Amino acid sequence: MRIDDPALLAEVTAAFHAYEAALMADDIPAMDALFHDAPTTNRFGVGEVLWGIDAIRDFRKGRGGSPQRRLGHVAITVYGDRFATADAEFFREGADRRGRQSQAWVRFDDGWKVVSAHVSLEGTTS
């Protein structure tokens, strides 16, 4: 298995940054387009557990946007030609704790999509 094919790594990196831009702009259609449209797509956040794309979409509609943040270290790895992981640290404006984000990406016929995401803040106990 080839790891980090340069062309595929560039594709996933672009998709990751497109998602980050959509998140910061609260561009719900763009975020939805980058998540796999399936009941098997999940997102675990700082205060929520969302099973399936419908729960993720409902959460986004009612959220009113993500807290603004800046990215720290980002590590993206592509395994073969269909699967990738993206792990990032982030720092919310006005907050001291570091956040962490992990995403699993799969390449479908219509492009790279997040199939699983997890967001947490360092030092949270719940």
C-alpha atoms as a PDB file:
ATOM      1  CA  MET A   1       0.000   0.000   0.000  1.00  0.00           C
ATOM      2  CA  ARG A   2       1.293   3.415  -0.906  1.00  0.00           C
ATOM      3  CA  ILE A   3       1.209   6.029   1.847  1.00  0.00           C
ATOM      4  CA  ASP A   4       0.984   9.742   1.068  1.00  0.00           C
ATOM      5  CA  ASP A   5       0.817   9.677  -2.694  1.00  0.00           C
ATOM      6  CA  PRO A   6       1.602  13.353  -3.418  1.00  0.00           C
ATOM      7  CA  ALA A   7      -1.410  13.972  -5.675  1.00  0.00           C
ATOM      8  CA  LEU A   8      -3.852  12.353  -3.254  1.00  0.00           C
ATOM      9  CA  LEU A   9      -2.278  14.104  -0.283  1.00  0.00           C
ATOM     10  CA  ALA A  10      -2.805  17.415  -2.088  1.00  0.00           C
ATOM     11  CA  GLU A  11      -6.468  16.513  -2.714  1.00  0.00           C
ATOM     12  CA  VAL A  12      -7.175  15.623   0.913  1.00  0.00           C
ATOM     13  CA  THR A  13      -5.275  18.657   2.176  1.00  0.00           C
ATOM     14  CA  ALA A  14      -7.362  20.902  -0.073  1.00  0.00           C
ATOM     15  CA  ALA A  15     -10.575  19.236   1.137  1.00  0.00           C
ATOM     16  CA  PHE A  16      -9.479  19.621   4.771  1.00  0.00           C
ATOM     17  CA  HIS A  17      -8.792  23.343   4.326  1.00  0.00           C
ATOM     18  CA  ALA A  18     -12.050  23.809   2.403  1.00  0.00           C
ATOM     19  CA  TYR A  19     -13.884  22.304   5.364  1.00  0.00           C
ATOM     20  CA  GLU A  20     -12.021  24.559   7.806  1.00  0.00           C
ATOM     21  CA  ALA A  21     -12.922  27.645   5.733  1.00  0.00           C
ATOM     22  CA  ALA A  22     -16.568  26.544   5.576  1.00  0.00           C
ATOM     23  CA  LEU A  23     -16.590  25.936   9.334  1.00  0.00           C
ATOM     24  CA  MET A  24     -15.218  29.399  10.090  1.00  0.00           C
ATOM     25  CA  ALA A  25     -17.728  31.020   7.690  1.00  0.00           C
ATOM     26  CA  ASP A  26     -20.648  28.871   8.944  1.00  0.00           C
ATOM     27  CA  ASP A  27     -21.181  27.794   5.331  1.00  0.00           C
ATOM     28  CA  ILE A  28     -23.516  24.901   6.070  1.00  0.00           C
ATOM     29  CA  PRO A  29     -23.985  23.755   2.441  1.00  0.00           C
ATOM     30  CA  ALA A  30     -20.204  23.586   1.972  1.00  0.00           C
ATOM     31  CA  MET A  31     -19.757  21.650   5.231  1.00  0.00           C
ATOM     32  CA  ASP A  32     -22.552  19.257   4.251  1.00  0.00           C
ATOM     33  CA  ALA A  33     -20.934  18.687   0.859  1.00  0.00           C
ATOM     34  CA  LEU A  34     -17.706  17.573   2.558  1.00  0.00           C
ATOM     35  CA  PHE A  35     -19.377  15.045   4.873  1.00  0.00           C
ATOM     36  CA  HIS A  36     -20.545  11.699   3.510  1.00  0.00           C
ATOM     37  CA  ASP A  37     -24.328  11.737   3.103  1.00  0.00           C
ATOM     38  CA  ALA A  38     -25.110   8.569   5.058  1.00  0.00           C
ATOM     39  CA  PRO A  39     -26.525   7.341   8.351  1.00  0.00           C
ATOM     40  CA  THR A  40     -23.102   5.803   9.066  1.00  0.00           C
ATOM     41  CA  THR A  41     -21.376   9.219   9.181  1.00  0.00           C
ATOM     42  CA  ASN A  42     -20.770  10.341  12.764  1.00  0.00           C
ATOM     43  CA  ARG A  43     -19.433  13.389  14.581  1.00  0.00           C
ATOM     44  CA  PHE A  44     -18.498  13.557  18.244  1.00  0.00           C
ATOM     45  CA  GLY A  45     -18.057  17.123  19.458  1.00  0.00           C
ATOM     46  CA  VAL A  46     -17.105  18.845  22.673  1.00  0.00           C
ATOM     47  CA  GLY A  47     -20.678  18.676  23.931  1.00  0.00           C
ATOM     48  CA  GLU A  48     -22.543  16.450  21.510  1.00  0.00           C
ATOM     49  CA  VAL A  49     -22.609  12.957  20.055  1.00  0.00           C
ATOM     50  CA  LEU A  50     -24.135  12.910  16.578  1.00  0.00           C
ATOM     51  CA  TRP A  51     -24.992   9.590  14.964  1.00  0.00           C
ATOM     52  CA  GLY A  52     -25.705   9.920  11.240  1.00  0.00           C
ATOM     53  CA  ILE A  53     -25.653  12.764   8.752  1.00  0.00           C
ATOM     54  CA  ASP A  54     -29.176  13.916   9.655  1.00  0.00           C
ATOM     55  CA  ALA A  55     -28.156  14.524  13.277  1.00  0.00           C
ATOM     56  CA  ILE A  56     -25.042  16.362  12.078  1.00  0.00           C
ATOM     57  CA  ARG A  57     -27.102  18.586   9.763  1.00  0.00           C
ATOM     58  CA  ASP A  58     -29.680  19.330  12.481  1.00  0.00           C
ATOM     59  CA  PHE A  59     -26.887  20.301  14.875  1.00  0.00           C
ATOM     60  CA  ARG A  60     -25.309  22.650  12.342  1.00  0.00           C
ATOM     61  CA  LYS A  61     -28.623  24.366  11.580  1.00  0.00           C
ATOM     62  CA  GLY A  62     -29.258  25.100  15.255  1.00  0.00           C
ATOM     63  CA  ARG A  63     -25.716  25.940  16.260  1.00  0.00           C
ATOM     64  CA  GLY A  64     -25.327  29.479  14.980  1.00  0.00           C
ATOM     65  CA  GLY A  65     -21.747  28.910  13.833  1.00  0.00           C
ATOM     66  CA  SER A  66     -18.560  27.520  15.282  1.00  0.00           C
ATOM     67  CA  PRO A  67     -16.421  29.443  17.745  1.00  0.00           C
ATOM     68  CA  GLN A  68     -13.643  31.102  15.761  1.00  0.00           C
ATOM     69  CA  ARG A  69     -10.278  29.409  15.989  1.00  0.00           C
ATOM     70  CA  ARG A  70      -6.858  29.136  14.460  1.00  0.00           C
ATOM     71  CA  LEU A  71      -5.196  25.891  13.527  1.00  0.00           C
ATOM     72  CA  GLY A  72      -1.995  24.689  15.104  1.00  0.00           C
ATOM     73  CA  HIS A  73      -0.255  21.524  13.957  1.00  0.00           C
ATOM     74  CA  VAL A  74      -2.075  19.588  11.229  1.00  0.00           C
ATOM     75  CA  ALA A  75      -1.150  16.022  10.223  1.00  0.00           C
ATOM     76  CA  ILE A  76      -2.795  14.508   7.152  1.00  0.00           C
ATOM     77  CA  THR A  77      -1.964  10.995   5.989  1.00  0.00           C
ATOM     78  CA  VAL A  78      -3.339   9.158   2.963  1.00  0.00           C
ATOM     79  CA  TYR A  79      -3.408   5.350   3.028  1.00  0.00           C
ATOM     80  CA  GLY A  80      -3.725   3.828  -0.418  1.00  0.00           C
ATOM     81  CA  ASP A  81      -6.043   5.701  -2.742  1.00  0.00           C
ATOM     82  CA  ARG A  82      -9.328   5.729  -0.781  1.00  0.00           C
ATOM     83  CA  PHE A  83      -8.674   6.478   2.906  1.00  0.00           C
ATOM     84  CA  ALA A  84      -7.054   9.320   4.828  1.00  0.00           C
ATOM     85  CA  THR A  85      -6.856  10.749   8.311  1.00  0.00           C
ATOM     86  CA  ALA A  86      -6.584  14.394   9.303  1.00  0.00           C
ATOM     87  CA  ASP A  87      -5.585  15.324  12.831  1.00  0.00           C
ATOM     88  CA  ALA A  88      -5.291  18.918  13.950  1.00  0.00           C
ATOM     89  CA  GLU A  89      -4.854  21.003  17.029  1.00  0.00           C
ATOM     90  CA  PHE A  90      -6.685  24.295  17.243  1.00  0.00           C
ATOM     91  CA  PHE A  91      -6.951  27.297  19.521  1.00  0.00           C
ATOM     92  CA  ARG A  92     -10.238  29.113  20.038  1.00  0.00           C
ATOM     93  CA  GLU A  93     -10.206  32.885  20.246  1.00  0.00           C
ATOM     94  CA  GLY A  94     -10.061  33.997  23.866  1.00  0.00           C
ATOM     95  CA  ALA A  95      -9.536  30.498  25.274  1.00  0.00           C
ATOM     96  CA  ASP A  96      -6.454  28.920  26.817  1.00  0.00           C
ATOM     97  CA  ARG A  97      -7.181  25.232  26.199  1.00  0.00           C
ATOM     98  CA  ARG A  98      -5.968  23.488  23.083  1.00  0.00           C
ATOM     99  CA  GLY A  99      -8.568  21.732  20.971  1.00  0.00           C
ATOM    100  CA  ARG A 100      -8.118  18.539  18.996  1.00  0.00           C
ATOM    101  CA  GLN A 101      -9.859  17.395  15.875  1.00  0.00           C
ATOM    102  CA  SER A 102      -9.624  14.047  14.120  1.00  0.00           C
ATOM    103  CA  GLN A 103     -11.302  13.198  10.849  1.00  0.00           C
ATOM    104  CA  ALA A 104     -11.489  10.035   8.774  1.00  0.00           C
ATOM    105  CA  TRP A 105     -11.810  10.779   5.051  1.00  0.00           C
ATOM    106  CA  VAL A 106     -12.871   8.338   2.316  1.00  0.00           C
ATOM    107  CA  ARG A 107     -12.620   8.965  -1.418  1.00  0.00           C
ATOM    108  CA  PHE A 108     -15.976   8.288  -3.058  1.00  0.00           C
ATOM    109  CA  ASP A 109     -16.887   8.732  -6.718  1.00  0.00           C
ATOM    110  CA  ASP A 110     -17.850  12.355  -5.957  1.00  0.00           C
ATOM    111  CA  GLY A 111     -14.664  13.167  -4.038  1.00  0.00           C
ATOM    112  CA  TRP A 112     -13.162  13.047  -0.555  1.00  0.00           C
ATOM    113  CA  LYS A 113     -15.713  13.038   2.293  1.00  0.00           C
ATOM    114  CA  VAL A 114     -15.512  12.940   6.078  1.00  0.00           C
ATOM    115  CA  VAL A 115     -17.060   9.727   7.411  1.00  0.00           C
ATOM    116  CA  SER A 116     -16.128  10.230  11.062  1.00  0.00           C
ATOM    117  CA  ALA A 117     -15.066  13.265  13.075  1.00  0.00           C
ATOM    118  CA  HIS A 118     -14.139  13.891  16.691  1.00  0.00           C
ATOM    119  CA  VAL A 119     -13.585  17.266  18.333  1.00  0.00           C
ATOM    120  CA  SER A 120     -12.459  17.738  21.931  1.00  0.00           C
ATOM    121  CA  LEU A 121     -10.803  20.253  24.205  1.00  0.00           C
ATOM    122  CA  GLU A 122      -7.784  19.416  26.288  1.00  0.00           C
ATOM    123  CA  GLY A 123      -8.592  19.018  29.957  1.00  0.00           C
ATOM    124  CA  THR A 124     -12.324  18.335  29.597  1.00  0.00           C
ATOM    125  CA  THR A 125     -13.584  15.599  31.841  1.00  0.00           C
ATOM    126  CA  SER A 126     -17.048  15.072  30.422  1.00  0.00           C
END
